Each structure stands twice: as structure tokens, then as C-alpha cells.
Amino acid sequence: MCAKKFVPYANESDVLDIGGLTIENRVDRISISGDIDLTLDKPGLALAKQLQTLLADVVAQLEKRDLPAQLPPPVVTSVANPFE
């Protein structure tokens, strides 16, 4: 993992890479993209433990909050094209 602690839902800027996965922090969601092979060897175990730690941190943050039944859709705004 990285030297800086990834705190789920803490900000809109942290990005964590685990294997081929990219985990993006947001204040209302955690976005995970990419793919990963958890191979049957020591590197596979290390990646699996990193994912386990990440997901345990996400679950802990979710469990300590008063969650809505479902998030409302994001607000979409239009802005003028600065290149016109």
C-alpha cells in the first residue's frame, strides 16, 4: 500500500493502487476499477491482504454512519463551453 493512509470517504482526491485495481476516494462513494489476479502464491496473498484491509476500512466507515436507504442521483449542472 502507500505511505499515506487511505481513509474511505474522507475526501475527493485520494487514489490507491492495488495490483491492477485503482481505488478512488470520494466523499459519497469508493470507486474501484481495473482487474487483479490473486495468484496462489505469496504475491497473491499479499494483494489479497491489501484488499482485505481496504474493504475492512470501508465497512468500518459505513457501519459508523447513519446511512440513507439509497443515495440520491448526483446533481448535474451545465456550464458554458469556455472554448466557444
C-alpha atoms as a PDB file:
ATOM      1  CA  MET A   1       0.000   0.000   0.000  1.00  0.00           C
ATOM      2  CA  CYS A   2       1.036   3.605   0.070  1.00  0.00           C
ATOM      3  CA  ALA A   3       2.706   5.516   2.889  1.00  0.00           C
ATOM      4  CA  LYS A   4      -0.275   7.849   3.316  1.00  0.00           C
ATOM      5  CA  LYS A   5      -3.279   6.231   4.976  1.00  0.00           C
ATOM      6  CA  PHE A   6      -6.273   5.854   2.649  1.00  0.00           C
ATOM      7  CA  VAL A   7      -9.322   6.832   4.723  1.00  0.00           C
ATOM      8  CA  PRO A   8     -12.525   5.825   2.907  1.00  0.00           C
ATOM      9  CA  TYR A   9     -14.992   8.665   2.212  1.00  0.00           C
ATOM     10  CA  ALA A  10     -12.558  11.261   3.622  1.00  0.00           C
ATOM     11  CA  ASN A  11     -12.001  13.365   0.519  1.00  0.00           C
ATOM     12  CA  GLU A  12     -12.273  13.654  -3.251  1.00  0.00           C
ATOM     13  CA  SER A  13      -8.611  13.201  -4.055  1.00  0.00           C
ATOM     14  CA  ASP A  14      -7.006  10.030  -2.692  1.00  0.00           C
ATOM     15  CA  VAL A  15      -6.260   7.244  -5.147  1.00  0.00           C
ATOM     16  CA  LEU A  16      -4.884   3.849  -4.168  1.00  0.00           C
ATOM     17  CA  ASP A  17      -3.487   1.179  -6.486  1.00  0.00           C
ATOM     18  CA  ILE A  18      -3.597  -2.484  -5.520  1.00  0.00           C
ATOM     19  CA  GLY A  19      -2.318  -4.781  -8.246  1.00  0.00           C
ATOM     20  CA  GLY A  20      -4.237  -3.762 -11.365  1.00  0.00           C
ATOM     21  CA  LEU A  21      -7.024  -2.071  -9.378  1.00  0.00           C
ATOM     22  CA  THR A  22      -7.437   1.652  -8.983  1.00  0.00           C
ATOM     23  CA  ILE A  23      -9.429   2.712  -5.906  1.00  0.00           C
ATOM     24  CA  GLU A  24     -10.686   6.292  -5.972  1.00  0.00           C
ATOM     25  CA  ASN A  25     -11.849   8.027  -2.823  1.00  0.00           C
ATOM     26  CA  ARG A  26     -14.958  10.212  -2.885  1.00  0.00           C
ATOM     27  CA  VAL A  27     -16.983  11.693  -0.051  1.00  0.00           C
ATOM     28  CA  ASP A  28     -20.030   9.632  -1.039  1.00  0.00           C
ATOM     29  CA  ARG A  29     -18.552   6.546  -2.700  1.00  0.00           C
ATOM     30  CA  ILE A  30     -15.465   4.456  -3.296  1.00  0.00           C
ATOM     31  CA  SER A  31     -14.873   3.659  -6.973  1.00  0.00           C
ATOM     32  CA  ILE A  32     -12.891   0.538  -7.861  1.00  0.00           C
ATOM     33  CA  SER A  33     -11.833  -0.156 -11.437  1.00  0.00           C
ATOM     34  CA  GLY A  34      -9.436  -2.483 -13.174  1.00  0.00           C
ATOM     35  CA  ASP A  35      -8.659  -6.127 -12.613  1.00  0.00           C
ATOM     36  CA  ILE A  36      -6.448  -8.163 -10.373  1.00  0.00           C
ATOM     37  CA  ASP A  37      -5.206 -11.738 -10.265  1.00  0.00           C
ATOM     38  CA  LEU A  38      -4.969 -13.186  -6.777  1.00  0.00           C
ATOM     39  CA  THR A  39      -2.497 -15.900  -7.604  1.00  0.00           C
ATOM     40  CA  LEU A  40      -1.888 -18.943  -5.450  1.00  0.00           C
ATOM     41  CA  ASP A  41       1.472 -17.700  -4.176  1.00  0.00           C
ATOM     42  CA  LYS A  42       2.993 -15.164  -1.780  1.00  0.00           C
ATOM     43  CA  PRO A  43       2.385 -12.129  -4.041  1.00  0.00           C
ATOM     44  CA  GLY A  44      -1.252 -13.230  -4.412  1.00  0.00           C
ATOM     45  CA  LEU A  45      -1.580 -13.482  -0.645  1.00  0.00           C
ATOM     46  CA  ALA A  46      -0.068 -10.012  -0.202  1.00  0.00           C
ATOM     47  CA  LEU A  47      -2.553  -8.494  -2.671  1.00  0.00           C
ATOM     48  CA  ALA A  48      -5.454 -10.331  -1.035  1.00  0.00           C
ATOM     49  CA  LYS A  49      -4.453  -8.957   2.379  1.00  0.00           C
ATOM     50  CA  GLN A  50      -4.269  -5.410   0.963  1.00  0.00           C
ATOM     51  CA  LEU A  51      -7.793  -5.803  -0.442  1.00  0.00           C
ATOM     52  CA  GLN A  52      -8.988  -7.293   2.848  1.00  0.00           C
ATOM     53  CA  THR A  53      -7.619  -4.290   4.766  1.00  0.00           C
ATOM     54  CA  LEU A  54      -9.170  -1.828   2.319  1.00  0.00           C
ATOM     55  CA  LEU A  55     -12.592  -3.482   2.468  1.00  0.00           C
ATOM     56  CA  ALA A  56     -12.467  -3.754   6.272  1.00  0.00           C
ATOM     57  CA  ASP A  57     -11.772   0.003   6.415  1.00  0.00           C
ATOM     58  CA  VAL A  58     -14.681   0.699   4.023  1.00  0.00           C
ATOM     59  CA  VAL A  59     -17.060  -1.478   6.053  1.00  0.00           C
ATOM     60  CA  ALA A  60     -15.948   0.185   9.311  1.00  0.00           C
ATOM     61  CA  GLN A  61     -16.666   3.646   7.878  1.00  0.00           C
ATOM     62  CA  LEU A  62     -20.069   2.546   6.586  1.00  0.00           C
ATOM     63  CA  GLU A  63     -21.044   0.914   9.881  1.00  0.00           C
ATOM     64  CA  LYS A  64     -20.354   4.025  11.956  1.00  0.00           C
ATOM     65  CA  ARG A  65     -22.612   6.282   9.882  1.00  0.00           C
ATOM     66  CA  ASP A  66     -26.341   6.812   9.702  1.00  0.00           C
ATOM     67  CA  LEU A  67     -26.855   5.672   6.117  1.00  0.00           C
ATOM     68  CA  PRO A  68     -29.744   6.624   3.835  1.00  0.00           C
ATOM     69  CA  ALA A  69     -31.725   3.840   2.157  1.00  0.00           C
ATOM     70  CA  GLN A  70     -30.090   4.923  -1.116  1.00  0.00           C
ATOM     71  CA  LEU A  71     -28.031   7.872  -2.295  1.00  0.00           C
ATOM     72  CA  PRO A  72     -29.917  10.380  -4.442  1.00  0.00           C
ATOM     73  CA  PRO A  73     -28.657  10.752  -8.008  1.00  0.00           C
ATOM     74  CA  PRO A  74     -25.806  13.248  -8.364  1.00  0.00           C
ATOM     75  CA  VAL A  75     -26.683  16.835  -9.231  1.00  0.00           C
ATOM     76  CA  VAL A  76     -25.733  17.545 -12.823  1.00  0.00           C
ATOM     77  CA  THR A  77     -25.069  21.119 -13.873  1.00  0.00           C
ATOM     78  CA  SER A  78     -24.266  22.567 -17.283  1.00  0.00           C
ATOM     79  CA  VAL A  79     -21.577  25.158 -17.768  1.00  0.00           C
ATOM     80  CA  ALA A  80     -20.762  27.334 -20.758  1.00  0.00           C
ATOM     81  CA  ASN A  81     -18.120  25.941 -23.077  1.00  0.00           C
ATOM     82  CA  PRO A  82     -15.013  28.084 -22.479  1.00  0.00           C
ATOM     83  CA  PHE A  83     -13.699  27.276 -25.973  1.00  0.00           C
ATOM     84  CA  GLU A  84     -16.607  28.835 -27.879  1.00  0.00           C
END
